[in-house]
Amino acid sequence: MVLPILTDVERIEGPPQGQWTLADWERLPDDDNRYEIIDGVLYMSTSPSLYHQWIVQQFYEYVGIPAKQKQLGFMFLAPVGLIMTGVTPAQPDAVFIAAANVGIMADKRIRGVPDLIAEVLSPSNKGYDEGVKLAAYATAGVPEYVVVDAWKKQLRLYSQPVNDEYGALKKFNAEDVVMFACLPGISLTVGQLFSGAPDESL
């Protein structure tokens, strides 16, 4: 995902910022932009880079596919509508839902708190993914939030949300192996997310 923009409400038909709802989002045009509403504020981002998409696909290959094979649950990639308290909706790069929680998938959307969310940073979205979204996901109670930083070849894992904040942050570099609480038996060497990309332009 690239630059998230506080959308110009004069350019996009809808209510004033701070008053956007899911119903308003449902009426937005299908124009290849990604729209999200957090605390009533509409954000927009355009198509991500090839490198961004590569990293998301690698995450799915090394985490999502093994999770499916082990029947642990389901991983979905953007665009996907995720509706939680204060988030109506978000469109994360990747969302994992454990098999025990499949009931939150209903009526074309994810309507509840998933077990893990992953976002890949792009040149201008660090403050959005590790600011606005970090706060929103913590408030909603998302147990594990993964941020992939392509510049640093690093994965940051936020967990243990308490009182609208994440209580733990672990940083993993390219050579490190990371495991997730909701994905027992699955491990990821962080460097696998970046290896072999045909174009590393951000």
Protein backbone atom coordinates (compact mmCIF):
# COMPACT_ATOMS: atom_id res chain seq x y z
CA MET A 1 0.00 0.00 0.00
CA VAL A 2 1.34 3.43 -0.86
CA LEU A 3 0.65 6.86 0.53
CA PRO A 4 -2.50 6.88 2.68
CA ILE A 5 -4.31 10.14 2.11
CA LEU A 6 -6.77 11.91 4.34
CA THR A 7 -9.28 11.97 1.56
CA ASP A 8 -10.43 15.31 0.16
CA VAL A 9 -14.14 15.16 0.89
CA GLU A 10 -14.81 17.81 -1.75
CA ARG A 11 -13.38 15.43 -4.35
CA ILE A 12 -15.11 12.26 -3.15
CA GLU A 13 -18.81 12.44 -2.49
CA GLY A 14 -19.64 11.59 1.10
CA PRO A 15 -19.99 12.94 4.63
CA PRO A 16 -17.46 15.18 6.42
CA GLN A 17 -14.31 13.54 7.77
CA GLY A 18 -14.97 11.86 11.09
CA GLN A 19 -18.49 10.88 10.04
CA TRP A 20 -17.85 8.17 7.44
CA THR A 21 -19.63 4.83 7.97
CA LEU A 22 -19.62 1.37 6.45
CA ALA A 23 -22.70 2.28 4.43
CA ASP A 24 -20.81 5.24 2.93
CA TRP A 25 -17.84 2.97 2.14
CA GLU A 26 -20.11 0.50 0.35
CA ARG A 27 -21.13 3.31 -2.02
CA LEU A 28 -17.57 4.28 -3.00
CA PRO A 29 -16.50 3.65 -6.61
CA ASP A 30 -14.66 0.49 -7.62
CA ASP A 31 -11.71 2.42 -9.06
CA ASP A 32 -8.62 0.36 -8.06
CA ASN A 33 -7.96 2.57 -5.05
CA ARG A 34 -8.04 1.10 -1.55
CA TYR A 35 -10.41 2.89 0.82
CA GLU A 36 -10.44 2.45 4.60
CA ILE A 37 -12.41 4.09 7.40
CA ILE A 38 -10.86 4.38 10.85
CA ASP A 39 -12.73 6.27 13.55
CA GLY A 40 -14.99 7.77 10.91
CA VAL A 41 -12.10 9.13 8.81
CA LEU A 42 -11.77 8.02 5.18
CA TYR A 43 -8.28 7.10 3.95
CA MET A 44 -7.31 6.26 0.39
CA SER A 45 -4.25 4.56 -1.08
CA THR A 46 -3.32 3.67 -4.64
CA SER A 47 -1.82 0.52 -6.13
CA PRO A 48 1.25 -0.84 -4.29
CA SER A 49 4.65 -1.45 -5.89
CA LEU A 50 5.65 -4.82 -7.34
CA TYR A 51 8.06 -5.30 -4.44
CA HIS A 52 5.27 -4.66 -1.95
CA GLN A 53 3.12 -7.26 -3.70
CA TRP A 54 6.06 -9.70 -3.81
CA ILE A 55 6.50 -9.49 -0.03
CA VAL A 56 2.78 -10.03 0.58
CA GLN A 57 2.82 -13.08 -1.70
CA GLN A 58 5.90 -14.46 0.05
CA PHE A 59 4.16 -14.05 3.40
CA TYR A 60 1.23 -16.02 2.06
CA GLU A 61 3.49 -18.72 0.62
CA TYR A 62 5.51 -19.25 3.80
CA VAL A 63 2.74 -18.66 6.34
CA GLY A 64 -0.70 -18.77 4.72
CA ILE A 65 -0.27 -21.95 2.68
CA PRO A 66 1.24 -23.98 5.55
CA ALA A 67 -1.57 -22.75 7.80
CA LYS A 68 -4.12 -24.05 5.30
CA GLN A 69 -2.30 -27.35 4.89
CA LYS A 70 -2.22 -27.84 8.66
CA GLN A 71 -5.90 -26.83 8.82
CA LEU A 72 -5.09 -24.07 11.29
CA GLY A 73 -7.28 -21.50 9.55
CA PHE A 74 -7.47 -19.18 6.57
CA MET A 75 -5.37 -16.30 5.29
CA PHE A 76 -6.79 -13.62 3.01
CA LEU A 77 -4.91 -10.97 1.04
CA ALA A 78 -6.03 -7.44 0.13
CA PRO A 79 -8.44 -6.27 -1.00
CA VAL A 80 -10.59 -7.62 1.81
CA GLY A 81 -13.10 -5.81 3.98
CA LEU A 82 -12.31 -6.11 7.69
CA ILE A 83 -14.92 -4.65 10.03
CA MET A 84 -14.10 -4.20 13.74
CA THR A 85 -14.81 -1.68 16.46
CA GLY A 86 -13.59 1.70 15.17
CA VAL A 87 -12.62 0.17 11.82
CA THR A 88 -15.38 0.15 9.20
CA PRO A 89 -13.55 -1.18 7.27
CA ALA A 90 -9.80 -1.64 6.98
CA GLN A 91 -8.14 -3.46 4.10
CA PRO A 92 -4.95 -5.03 5.49
CA ASP A 93 -2.34 -6.64 3.24
CA ALA A 94 -2.93 -10.02 4.93
CA VAL A 95 -5.39 -11.31 7.53
CA PHE A 96 -5.33 -14.69 9.27
CA ILE A 97 -8.39 -16.22 10.91
CA ALA A 98 -7.95 -19.34 13.04
CA ALA A 99 -10.22 -22.30 12.32
CA ALA A 100 -12.01 -21.79 15.64
CA ASN A 101 -13.01 -18.27 14.63
CA VAL A 102 -14.37 -18.80 11.11
CA GLY A 103 -17.74 -17.53 12.29
CA ILE A 104 -16.52 -13.95 11.88
CA MET A 105 -16.56 -14.45 8.10
CA ALA A 106 -20.03 -13.51 6.94
CA ASP A 107 -21.80 -11.63 4.16
CA LYS A 108 -18.68 -11.07 2.03
CA ARG A 109 -16.69 -9.50 4.89
CA ILE A 110 -14.68 -10.30 7.99
CA ARG A 111 -16.88 -9.05 10.80
CA GLY A 112 -14.86 -9.37 13.94
CA VAL A 113 -11.31 -9.51 15.27
CA PRO A 114 -8.93 -11.75 13.28
CA ASP A 115 -6.08 -13.61 14.96
CA LEU A 116 -3.32 -11.87 12.99
CA ILE A 117 -2.98 -8.91 10.65
CA ALA A 118 0.06 -8.14 8.50
CA GLU A 119 0.94 -4.88 6.76
CA VAL A 120 3.92 -4.17 4.48
CA LEU A 121 5.38 -0.68 4.73
CA SER A 122 5.61 1.46 1.60
CA PRO A 123 7.57 4.71 1.16
CA SER A 124 5.01 7.04 2.69
CA ASN A 125 2.86 4.87 4.92
CA LYS A 126 5.03 4.20 7.98
CA GLY A 127 3.17 6.74 10.08
CA TYR A 128 -0.12 5.27 8.94
CA ASP A 129 0.63 1.57 9.51
CA GLU A 130 2.58 2.13 12.73
CA GLY A 131 0.49 5.07 13.90
CA VAL A 132 -3.17 5.18 12.87
CA LYS A 133 -3.53 1.47 12.13
CA LEU A 134 -1.40 0.33 15.04
CA ALA A 135 -3.66 2.24 17.45
CA ALA A 136 -6.84 1.04 15.74
CA TYR A 137 -5.78 -2.61 15.75
CA ALA A 138 -4.71 -2.44 19.40
CA THR A 139 -8.01 -0.83 20.39
CA ALA A 140 -9.94 -3.51 18.49
CA GLY A 141 -7.93 -6.20 20.32
CA VAL A 142 -6.10 -7.82 17.38
CA PRO A 143 -3.82 -10.34 19.17
CA GLU A 144 -0.89 -10.15 16.74
CA TYR A 145 0.03 -7.34 14.35
CA VAL A 146 2.90 -7.88 11.91
CA VAL A 147 4.66 -4.97 10.22
CA VAL A 148 7.15 -5.83 7.47
CA ASP A 149 9.83 -3.19 6.84
CA ALA A 150 11.48 -3.78 3.45
CA TRP A 151 14.13 -1.06 3.96
CA LYS A 152 15.49 -2.62 7.12
CA LYS A 153 14.71 -6.19 5.99
CA GLN A 154 12.91 -6.47 9.31
CA LEU A 155 9.67 -7.84 10.72
CA ARG A 156 8.12 -6.21 13.77
CA LEU A 157 5.59 -8.17 15.79
CA TYR A 158 3.21 -6.30 18.06
CA SER A 159 1.18 -8.40 20.50
CA GLN A 160 -0.66 -8.49 23.83
CA PRO A 161 -3.06 -5.57 23.35
CA VAL A 162 -4.11 -4.05 26.66
CA ASN A 163 -5.96 -0.77 27.27
CA ASP A 164 -5.81 0.25 23.59
CA GLU A 165 -2.04 -0.33 23.30
CA TYR A 166 0.20 -3.25 22.41
CA GLY A 167 2.12 -4.45 25.43
CA ALA A 168 4.89 -6.24 23.53
CA LEU A 169 7.04 -5.51 20.50
CA LYS A 170 9.60 -7.94 19.09
CA LYS A 171 11.91 -7.11 16.19
CA PHE A 172 13.22 -9.79 13.86
CA ASN A 173 15.97 -9.21 11.27
CA ALA A 174 16.53 -11.10 8.01
CA GLU A 175 18.41 -14.01 9.61
CA ASP A 176 15.93 -14.41 12.48
CA VAL A 177 13.16 -16.99 12.71
CA VAL A 178 9.75 -15.83 13.87
CA MET A 179 6.77 -17.84 15.07
CA PHE A 180 3.26 -16.61 15.76
CA ALA A 181 1.06 -17.60 18.69
CA CYS A 182 -1.92 -18.34 16.44
CA LEU A 183 0.12 -20.51 14.06
CA PRO A 184 1.67 -23.36 16.06
CA GLY A 185 4.23 -25.39 14.16
CA ILE A 186 4.83 -22.73 11.50
CA SER A 187 8.04 -20.69 11.42
CA LEU A 188 9.28 -18.00 9.06
CA THR A 189 12.84 -16.91 8.40
CA VAL A 190 12.34 -13.19 7.82
CA GLY A 191 14.75 -13.02 4.87
CA GLN A 192 12.45 -15.36 2.92
CA LEU A 193 10.04 -12.46 2.51
CA PHE A 194 12.54 -10.47 0.44
CA SER A 195 14.57 -13.16 -1.34
CA GLY A 196 14.29 -13.48 -5.11
CA ALA A 197 12.21 -10.38 -5.81
CA PRO A 198 12.57 -9.36 -9.48
CA ASP A 199 12.39 -5.65 -8.59
CA GLU A 200 13.16 -4.21 -5.16
CA SER A 201 12.05 -0.68 -5.98
CA LEU A 202 9.89 0.73 -3.22
